């Protein structure tokens, strides 16, 4: 009978066990990968098909929708790149990165000036300073509807009631990565509007006033003012 070297037998057994563990781990990892059922990508990562805006300021860089405002070619007003379809009840997921300036995600909004791509409506704010990211701001309307860390109910034009605290606005800001990629989720269902960054609820608005908007366009903002750059990628939406 062939006699195997004890050391060689041990090494062969160890190698087999390692392979089995790797395969098991790989199988579990694949099984646990999150599935985004019902979500549709609305940006192909290559060009701006399906989007309209002033292409002097918008482009695709590094696989991301990119808005750039420079000292040499500043935008004279806030300008937006607009998705070609309306949204009503939905969940939007994307990643963003901003360097300088201010931006935001417009939804259930109106195109106030089609030639200049000026948009007004609900906005999930994005900011390079520690001030506005996560708030709900109504562009060309009522202004700030909910600060970061607030859950509010709006029953009239000037009637905004804070019904719950979502946390200290400064502590919530620490959950946001400066000049790095962040995950942003916007959920609009009925009159309830939720803004979530990196898995952390930042603001919630329940708008049951006469000014509430049930549907409208989706758009991304490039803000007038100092030079800035904002990027969006992995943009996908689920109609609710």
C-alpha atoms as a PDB file:
ATOM      1  CA  UNK A   1       0.000   0.000   0.000  1.00  0.00           C
ATOM      2  CA  UNK A   2       1.257   3.480  -0.872  1.00  0.00           C
ATOM      3  CA  UNK A   3       2.201   5.422   2.287  1.00  0.00           C
ATOM      4  CA  UNK A   4       1.618   9.188   2.158  1.00  0.00           C
ATOM      5  CA  UNK A   5       3.941  11.560   3.913  1.00  0.00           C
ATOM      6  CA  UNK A   6       2.095  12.829   7.061  1.00  0.00           C
ATOM      7  CA  UNK A   7       3.064  16.457   6.357  1.00  0.00           C
ATOM      8  CA  UNK A   8       1.872  16.196   2.772  1.00  0.00           C
ATOM      9  CA  UNK A   9      -1.442  14.668   3.912  1.00  0.00           C
ATOM     10  CA  UNK A  10      -1.966  17.517   6.392  1.00  0.00           C
ATOM     11  CA  UNK A  11      -1.245  20.165   3.763  1.00  0.00           C
ATOM     12  CA  UNK A  12      -3.634  18.535   1.285  1.00  0.00           C
ATOM     13  CA  UNK A  13      -6.395  18.385   3.925  1.00  0.00           C
ATOM     14  CA  UNK A  14      -5.840  22.055   4.895  1.00  0.00           C
ATOM     15  CA  UNK A  15      -5.980  23.152   1.264  1.00  0.00           C
ATOM     16  CA  UNK A  16      -9.267  21.263   0.714  1.00  0.00           C
ATOM     17  CA  UNK A  17     -10.840  22.832   3.804  1.00  0.00           C
ATOM     18  CA  UNK A  18      -9.776  26.337   2.723  1.00  0.00           C
ATOM     19  CA  UNK A  19     -11.322  25.814  -0.716  1.00  0.00           C
ATOM     20  CA  UNK A  20     -14.560  24.625   0.852  1.00  0.00           C
ATOM     21  CA  UNK A  21     -14.689  27.673   3.153  1.00  0.00           C
ATOM     22  CA  UNK A  22     -14.035  30.071   0.280  1.00  0.00           C
ATOM     23  CA  UNK A  23     -16.784  28.494  -1.826  1.00  0.00           C
ATOM     24  CA  UNK A  24     -19.231  28.554   1.092  1.00  0.00           C
ATOM     25  CA  UNK A  25     -18.387  32.176   1.897  1.00  0.00           C
ATOM     26  CA  UNK A  26     -18.783  33.149  -1.758  1.00  0.00           C
ATOM     27  CA  UNK A  27     -22.169  31.437  -1.958  1.00  0.00           C
ATOM     28  CA  UNK A  28     -23.417  33.165   1.191  1.00  0.00           C
ATOM     29  CA  UNK A  29     -22.166  36.563   0.017  1.00  0.00           C
ATOM     30  CA  UNK A  30     -23.996  36.225  -3.285  1.00  0.00           C
ATOM     31  CA  UNK A  31     -27.140  35.078  -1.511  1.00  0.00           C
ATOM     32  CA  UNK A  32     -27.029  38.065   0.862  1.00  0.00           C
ATOM     33  CA  UNK A  33     -26.460  40.707  -1.834  1.00  0.00           C
ATOM     34  CA  UNK A  34     -29.337  43.227  -1.690  1.00  0.00           C
ATOM     35  CA  UNK A  35     -31.816  43.066  -4.540  1.00  0.00           C
ATOM     36  CA  UNK A  36     -33.454  46.239  -5.819  1.00  0.00           C
ATOM     37  CA  UNK A  37     -36.681  44.814  -7.125  1.00  0.00           C
ATOM     38  CA  UNK A  38     -38.761  47.267  -9.080  1.00  0.00           C
ATOM     39  CA  UNK A  39     -35.998  49.832  -9.549  1.00  0.00           C
ATOM     40  CA  UNK A  40     -35.101  51.156 -12.993  1.00  0.00           C
ATOM     41  CA  UNK A  41     -31.849  52.892 -13.898  1.00  0.00           C
ATOM     42  CA  UNK A  42     -32.511  56.328 -15.436  1.00  0.00           C
ATOM     43  CA  UNK A  43     -28.894  57.206 -16.257  1.00  0.00           C
ATOM     44  CA  UNK A  44     -26.787  54.922 -18.441  1.00  0.00           C
ATOM     45  CA  UNK A  45     -23.407  56.099 -17.125  1.00  0.00           C
ATOM     46  CA  UNK A  46     -22.201  57.006 -20.629  1.00  0.00           C
ATOM     47  CA  UNK A  47     -24.191  59.960 -21.958  1.00  0.00           C
ATOM     48  CA  UNK A  48     -27.168  62.162 -21.081  1.00  0.00           C
ATOM     49  CA  UNK A  49     -29.803  60.251 -23.040  1.00  0.00           C
ATOM     50  CA  UNK A  50     -33.166  60.882 -21.395  1.00  0.00           C
ATOM     51  CA  UNK A  51     -32.028  64.131 -19.788  1.00  0.00           C
ATOM     52  CA  UNK A  52     -32.322  67.751 -20.941  1.00  0.00           C
ATOM     53  CA  UNK A  53     -30.382  70.794 -19.777  1.00  0.00           C
ATOM     54  CA  UNK A  54     -27.904  73.487 -20.738  1.00  0.00           C
ATOM     55  CA  UNK A  55     -25.001  71.357 -21.939  1.00  0.00           C
ATOM     56  CA  UNK A  56     -22.591  74.263 -21.432  1.00  0.00           C
ATOM     57  CA  UNK A  57     -22.690  73.218 -17.780  1.00  0.00           C
ATOM     58  CA  UNK A  58     -23.625  69.526 -17.820  1.00  0.00           C
ATOM     59  CA  UNK A  59     -21.638  66.530 -19.044  1.00  0.00           C
ATOM     60  CA  UNK A  60     -20.721  62.960 -18.141  1.00  0.00           C
ATOM     61  CA  UNK A  61     -17.412  62.555 -16.310  1.00  0.00           C
ATOM     62  CA  UNK A  62     -16.129  59.366 -14.699  1.00  0.00           C
ATOM     63  CA  UNK A  63     -19.466  57.679 -15.310  1.00  0.00           C
ATOM     64  CA  UNK A  64     -21.422  60.394 -13.499  1.00  0.00           C
ATOM     65  CA  UNK A  65     -23.789  63.218 -14.458  1.00  0.00           C
ATOM     66  CA  UNK A  66     -21.582  66.239 -13.805  1.00  0.00           C
ATOM     67  CA  UNK A  67     -22.535  69.869 -13.337  1.00  0.00           C
ATOM     68  CA  UNK A  68     -19.718  72.417 -13.349  1.00  0.00           C
ATOM     69  CA  UNK A  69     -19.852  76.131 -12.571  1.00  0.00           C
ATOM     70  CA  UNK A  70     -16.513  77.863 -13.180  1.00  0.00           C
ATOM     71  CA  UNK A  71     -15.114  81.355 -12.734  1.00  0.00           C
ATOM     72  CA  UNK A  72     -14.411  81.466 -16.472  1.00  0.00           C
ATOM     73  CA  UNK A  73     -17.940  80.398 -17.408  1.00  0.00           C
ATOM     74  CA  UNK A  74     -20.328  80.964 -14.503  1.00  0.00           C
ATOM     75  CA  UNK A  75     -24.009  80.153 -14.750  1.00  0.00           C
ATOM     76  CA  UNK A  76     -25.998  83.406 -14.330  1.00  0.00           C
ATOM     77  CA  UNK A  77     -28.798  81.601 -12.464  1.00  0.00           C
ATOM     78  CA  UNK A  78     -29.581  78.241 -10.898  1.00  0.00           C
ATOM     79  CA  UNK A  79     -29.877  75.796 -13.760  1.00  0.00           C
ATOM     80  CA  UNK A  80     -31.045  72.191 -13.843  1.00  0.00           C
ATOM     81  CA  UNK A  81     -30.719  69.036 -15.861  1.00  0.00           C
ATOM     82  CA  UNK A  82     -34.181  67.528 -16.200  1.00  0.00           C
ATOM     83  CA  UNK A  83     -35.269  63.904 -16.555  1.00  0.00           C
ATOM     84  CA  UNK A  84     -37.777  63.590 -19.369  1.00  0.00           C
ATOM     85  CA  UNK A  85     -40.494  61.856 -17.308  1.00  0.00           C
ATOM     86  CA  UNK A  86     -42.746  63.025 -14.488  1.00  0.00           C
ATOM     87  CA  UNK A  87     -42.718  61.477 -11.012  1.00  0.00           C
ATOM     88  CA  UNK A  88     -45.516  61.084  -8.489  1.00  0.00           C
ATOM     89  CA  UNK A  89     -45.135  58.493  -5.730  1.00  0.00           C
ATOM     90  CA  UNK A  90     -41.628  57.066  -5.993  1.00  0.00           C
ATOM     91  CA  UNK A  91     -38.374  56.087  -4.331  1.00  0.00           C
ATOM     92  CA  UNK A  92     -35.214  57.537  -5.861  1.00  0.00           C
ATOM     93  CA  UNK A  93     -31.746  56.205  -5.073  1.00  0.00           C
ATOM     94  CA  UNK A  94     -28.480  57.732  -6.233  1.00  0.00           C
ATOM     95  CA  UNK A  95     -24.960  58.629  -5.185  1.00  0.00           C
ATOM     96  CA  UNK A  96     -23.652  62.190  -5.195  1.00  0.00           C
ATOM     97  CA  UNK A  97     -20.435  64.076  -4.620  1.00  0.00           C
ATOM     98  CA  UNK A  98     -20.112  67.858  -4.327  1.00  0.00           C
ATOM     99  CA  UNK A  99     -17.061  70.122  -4.195  1.00  0.00           C
ATOM    100  CA  UNK A 100     -17.956  73.732  -3.416  1.00  0.00           C
ATOM    101  CA  UNK A 101     -21.336  75.390  -3.730  1.00  0.00           C
ATOM    102  CA  UNK A 102     -24.834  74.024  -3.338  1.00  0.00           C
ATOM    103  CA  UNK A 103     -27.053  71.640  -5.266  1.00  0.00           C
ATOM    104  CA  UNK A 104     -30.129  69.499  -4.873  1.00  0.00           C
ATOM    105  CA  UNK A 105     -32.597  66.989  -6.266  1.00  0.00           C
ATOM    106  CA  UNK A 106     -35.834  68.538  -7.504  1.00  0.00           C
ATOM    107  CA  UNK A 107     -38.944  66.345  -7.566  1.00  0.00           C
ATOM    108  CA  UNK A 108     -42.669  66.797  -8.201  1.00  0.00           C
ATOM    109  CA  UNK A 109     -41.483  70.114  -9.619  1.00  0.00           C
ATOM    110  CA  UNK A 110     -42.335  72.493 -12.460  1.00  0.00           C
ATOM    111  CA  UNK A 111     -40.195  73.798 -15.316  1.00  0.00           C
ATOM    112  CA  UNK A 112     -40.524  77.553 -14.732  1.00  0.00           C
ATOM    113  CA  UNK A 113     -38.385  78.529 -17.744  1.00  0.00           C
ATOM    114  CA  UNK A 114     -37.865  75.857 -20.403  1.00  0.00           C
ATOM    115  CA  UNK A 115     -35.221  77.850 -22.284  1.00  0.00           C
ATOM    116  CA  UNK A 116     -33.036  78.491 -19.225  1.00  0.00           C
ATOM    117  CA  UNK A 117     -33.920  75.202 -17.504  1.00  0.00           C
ATOM    118  CA  UNK A 118     -35.100  76.948 -14.346  1.00  0.00           C
ATOM    119  CA  UNK A 119     -37.084  74.653 -12.061  1.00  0.00           C
ATOM    120  CA  UNK A 120     -39.235  75.217  -8.981  1.00  0.00           C
ATOM    121  CA  UNK A 121     -40.567  72.745  -6.438  1.00  0.00           C
ATOM    122  CA  UNK A 122     -39.549  70.372  -3.659  1.00  0.00           C
ATOM    123  CA  UNK A 123     -35.788  69.951  -3.331  1.00  0.00           C
ATOM    124  CA  UNK A 124     -33.689  67.436  -1.425  1.00  0.00           C
ATOM    125  CA  UNK A 125     -30.779  69.740  -0.677  1.00  0.00           C
ATOM    126  CA  UNK A 126     -27.083  69.011  -1.203  1.00  0.00           C
ATOM    127  CA  UNK A 127     -24.450  71.376   0.167  1.00  0.00           C
ATOM    128  CA  UNK A 128     -20.675  71.631   0.488  1.00  0.00           C
ATOM    129  CA  UNK A 129     -21.047  73.597   3.732  1.00  0.00           C
ATOM    130  CA  UNK A 130     -22.455  72.040   6.947  1.00  0.00           C
ATOM    131  CA  UNK A 131     -25.733  73.921   6.565  1.00  0.00           C
ATOM    132  CA  UNK A 132     -28.281  72.564   4.100  1.00  0.00           C
ATOM    133  CA  UNK A 133     -27.665  68.939   3.135  1.00  0.00           C
ATOM    134  CA  UNK A 134     -30.742  66.814   3.783  1.00  0.00           C
ATOM    135  CA  UNK A 135     -33.215  69.651   4.271  1.00  0.00           C
ATOM    136  CA  UNK A 136     -36.415  70.017   2.266  1.00  0.00           C
ATOM    137  CA  UNK A 137     -36.356  73.309   0.381  1.00  0.00           C
ATOM    138  CA  UNK A 138     -39.045  74.528  -1.977  1.00  0.00           C
ATOM    139  CA  UNK A 139     -37.219  76.271  -4.830  1.00  0.00           C
ATOM    140  CA  UNK A 140     -39.043  79.358  -6.119  1.00  0.00           C
ATOM    141  CA  UNK A 141     -41.720  78.758  -3.489  1.00  0.00           C
ATOM    142  CA  UNK A 142     -42.030  78.576   0.287  1.00  0.00           C
ATOM    143  CA  UNK A 143     -38.302  78.216   1.028  1.00  0.00           C
ATOM    144  CA  UNK A 144     -37.157  75.853   3.779  1.00  0.00           C
ATOM    145  CA  UNK A 145     -39.915  73.407   4.676  1.00  0.00           C
ATOM    146  CA  UNK A 146     -37.880  71.208   7.029  1.00  0.00           C
ATOM    147  CA  UNK A 147     -34.415  71.650   8.483  1.00  0.00           C
ATOM    148  CA  UNK A 148     -32.052  68.715   8.825  1.00  0.00           C
ATOM    149  CA  UNK A 149     -33.187  66.759  11.876  1.00  0.00           C
ATOM    150  CA  UNK A 150     -36.837  67.811  11.611  1.00  0.00           C
ATOM    151  CA  UNK A 151     -40.016  65.924  10.841  1.00  0.00           C
ATOM    152  CA  UNK A 152     -42.728  68.486  10.087  1.00  0.00           C
ATOM    153  CA  UNK A 153     -46.366  68.727   9.084  1.00  0.00           C
ATOM    154  CA  UNK A 154     -47.569  71.536   6.811  1.00  0.00           C
ATOM    155  CA  UNK A 155     -51.256  72.371   6.916  1.00  0.00           C
ATOM    156  CA  UNK A 156     -51.230  75.905   5.530  1.00  0.00           C
ATOM    157  CA  UNK A 157     -49.015  78.345   3.642  1.00  0.00           C
ATOM    158  CA  UNK A 158     -47.322  79.539   6.857  1.00  0.00           C
ATOM    159  CA  UNK A 159     -48.335  76.708   9.161  1.00  0.00           C
ATOM    160  CA  UNK A 160     -45.353  74.377   9.642  1.00  0.00           C
ATOM    161  CA  UNK A 161     -45.394  72.260  12.793  1.00  0.00           C
ATOM    162  CA  UNK A 162     -42.343  70.313  13.960  1.00  0.00           C
ATOM    163  CA  UNK A 163     -43.835  67.015  15.092  1.00  0.00           C
ATOM    164  CA  UNK A 164     -40.677  65.043  15.787  1.00  0.00           C
ATOM    165  CA  UNK A 165     -36.912  65.370  16.059  1.00  0.00           C
ATOM    166  CA  UNK A 166     -34.786  63.107  13.885  1.00  0.00           C
ATOM    167  CA  UNK A 167     -31.619  64.133  15.696  1.00  0.00           C
ATOM    168  CA  UNK A 168     -29.240  67.029  16.203  1.00  0.00           C
ATOM    169  CA  UNK A 169     -28.485  68.738  12.876  1.00  0.00           C
ATOM    170  CA  UNK A 170     -24.759  68.930  13.701  1.00  0.00           C
ATOM    171  CA  UNK A 171     -24.539  65.255  14.607  1.00  0.00           C
ATOM    172  CA  UNK A 172     -26.456  64.317  11.465  1.00  0.00           C
ATOM    173  CA  UNK A 173     -24.011  66.364   9.383  1.00  0.00           C
ATOM    174  CA  UNK A 174     -21.213  64.102  10.640  1.00  0.00           C
ATOM    175  CA  UNK A 175     -22.872  61.213   8.777  1.00  0.00           C
ATOM    176  CA  UNK A 176     -22.232  62.997   5.458  1.00  0.00           C
ATOM    177  CA  UNK A 177     -18.900  62.538   3.659  1.00  0.00           C
ATOM    178  CA  UNK A 178     -17.370  65.865   2.621  1.00  0.00           C
ATOM    179  CA  UNK A 179     -16.184  65.902  -1.015  1.00  0.00           C
ATOM    180  CA  UNK A 180     -16.729  62.143  -1.224  1.00  0.00           C
ATOM    181  CA  UNK A 181     -19.529  59.932  -2.522  1.00  0.00           C
ATOM    182  CA  UNK A 182     -22.725  59.734  -0.485  1.00  0.00           C
ATOM    183  CA  UNK A 183     -25.920  57.708  -0.896  1.00  0.00           C
ATOM    184  CA  UNK A 184     -29.101  59.769  -1.184  1.00  0.00           C
ATOM    185  CA  UNK A 185     -32.601  58.292  -1.003  1.00  0.00           C
ATOM    186  CA  UNK A 186     -35.718  60.385  -1.643  1.00  0.00           C
ATOM    187  CA  UNK A 187     -39.111  58.806  -0.945  1.00  0.00           C
ATOM    188  CA  UNK A 188     -42.349  60.576  -1.880  1.00  0.00           C
ATOM    189  CA  UNK A 189     -45.579  58.778  -1.077  1.00  0.00           C
ATOM    190  CA  UNK A 190     -48.794  60.724  -0.839  1.00  0.00           C
ATOM    191  CA  UNK A 191     -48.051  63.872   1.133  1.00  0.00           C
ATOM    192  CA  UNK A 192     -45.044  62.385   2.946  1.00  0.00           C
ATOM    193  CA  UNK A 193     -41.577  63.316   1.664  1.00  0.00           C
ATOM    194  CA  UNK A 194     -38.473  61.681   3.157  1.00  0.00           C
ATOM    195  CA  UNK A 195     -34.789  62.550   2.645  1.00  0.00           C
ATOM    196  CA  UNK A 196     -32.225  59.931   3.703  1.00  0.00           C
ATOM    197  CA  UNK A 197     -28.425  60.248   3.350  1.00  0.00           C
ATOM    198  CA  UNK A 198     -26.093  57.296   3.919  1.00  0.00           C
ATOM    199  CA  UNK A 199     -28.972  55.366   5.468  1.00  0.00           C
ATOM    200  CA  UNK A 200     -29.738  58.118   8.014  1.00  0.00           C
ATOM    201  CA  UNK A 201     -33.095  59.994   7.933  1.00  0.00           C
ATOM    202  CA  UNK A 202     -32.336  63.701   7.555  1.00  0.00           C
ATOM    203  CA  UNK A 203     -35.786  65.293   7.185  1.00  0.00           C
ATOM    204  CA  UNK A 204     -39.421  64.367   6.705  1.00  0.00           C
ATOM    205  CA  UNK A 205     -42.255  66.577   5.465  1.00  0.00           C
ATOM    206  CA  UNK A 206     -45.939  65.775   5.513  1.00  0.00           C
ATOM    207  CA  UNK A 207     -47.469  68.370   3.211  1.00  0.00           C
ATOM    208  CA  UNK A 208     -51.258  68.418   3.368  1.00  0.00           C
ATOM    209  CA  UNK A 209     -51.577  72.097   2.474  1.00  0.00           C
ATOM    210  CA  UNK A 210     -53.184  73.568  -0.621  1.00  0.00           C
ATOM    211  CA  UNK A 211     -49.695  74.076  -2.062  1.00  0.00           C
ATOM    212  CA  UNK A 212     -48.765  70.398  -1.901  1.00  0.00           C
ATOM    213  CA  UNK A 213     -47.651  68.928  -5.229  1.00  0.00           C
ATOM    214  CA  UNK A 214     -48.615  65.345  -6.090  1.00  0.00           C
ATOM    215  CA  UNK A 215     -46.531  65.008  -9.253  1.00  0.00           C
ATOM    216  CA  UNK A 216     -44.059  66.832 -11.458  1.00  0.00           C
ATOM    217  CA  UNK A 217     -40.609  66.649 -12.976  1.00  0.00           C
ATOM    218  CA  UNK A 218     -37.362  65.298 -11.554  1.00  0.00           C
ATOM    219  CA  UNK A 219     -34.239  67.452 -11.969  1.00  0.00           C
ATOM    220  CA  UNK A 220     -30.719  67.972 -10.630  1.00  0.00           C
ATOM    221  CA  UNK A 221     -29.429  71.419  -9.680  1.00  0.00           C
ATOM    222  CA  UNK A 222     -26.315  73.420 -10.485  1.00  0.00           C
ATOM    223  CA  UNK A 223     -26.272  76.518  -8.290  1.00  0.00           C
ATOM    224  CA  UNK A 224     -25.221  79.986  -9.384  1.00  0.00           C
ATOM    225  CA  UNK A 225     -22.443  81.675  -7.409  1.00  0.00           C
ATOM    226  CA  UNK A 226     -18.918  80.492  -6.524  1.00  0.00           C
ATOM    227  CA  UNK A 227     -17.220  77.787  -8.616  1.00  0.00           C
ATOM    228  CA  UNK A 228     -18.483  74.297  -7.851  1.00  0.00           C
ATOM    229  CA  UNK A 229     -18.762  70.772  -9.156  1.00  0.00           C
ATOM    230  CA  UNK A 230     -21.496  68.271  -8.405  1.00  0.00           C
ATOM    231  CA  UNK A 231     -21.772  64.684  -9.645  1.00  0.00           C
ATOM    232  CA  UNK A 232     -24.528  62.047  -9.608  1.00  0.00           C
ATOM    233  CA  UNK A 233     -24.261  58.355 -10.454  1.00  0.00           C
ATOM    234  CA  UNK A 234     -26.138  55.067 -10.041  1.00  0.00           C
ATOM    235  CA  UNK A 235     -29.428  56.921 -10.463  1.00  0.00           C
ATOM    236  CA  UNK A 236     -32.397  54.574 -10.225  1.00  0.00           C
ATOM    237  CA  UNK A 237     -36.071  54.965  -9.425  1.00  0.00           C
ATOM    238  CA  UNK A 238     -39.008  52.837  -8.319  1.00  0.00           C
ATOM    239  CA  UNK A 239     -42.562  53.982  -8.929  1.00  0.00           C
ATOM    240  CA  UNK A 240     -44.673  53.346  -5.818  1.00  0.00           C
END
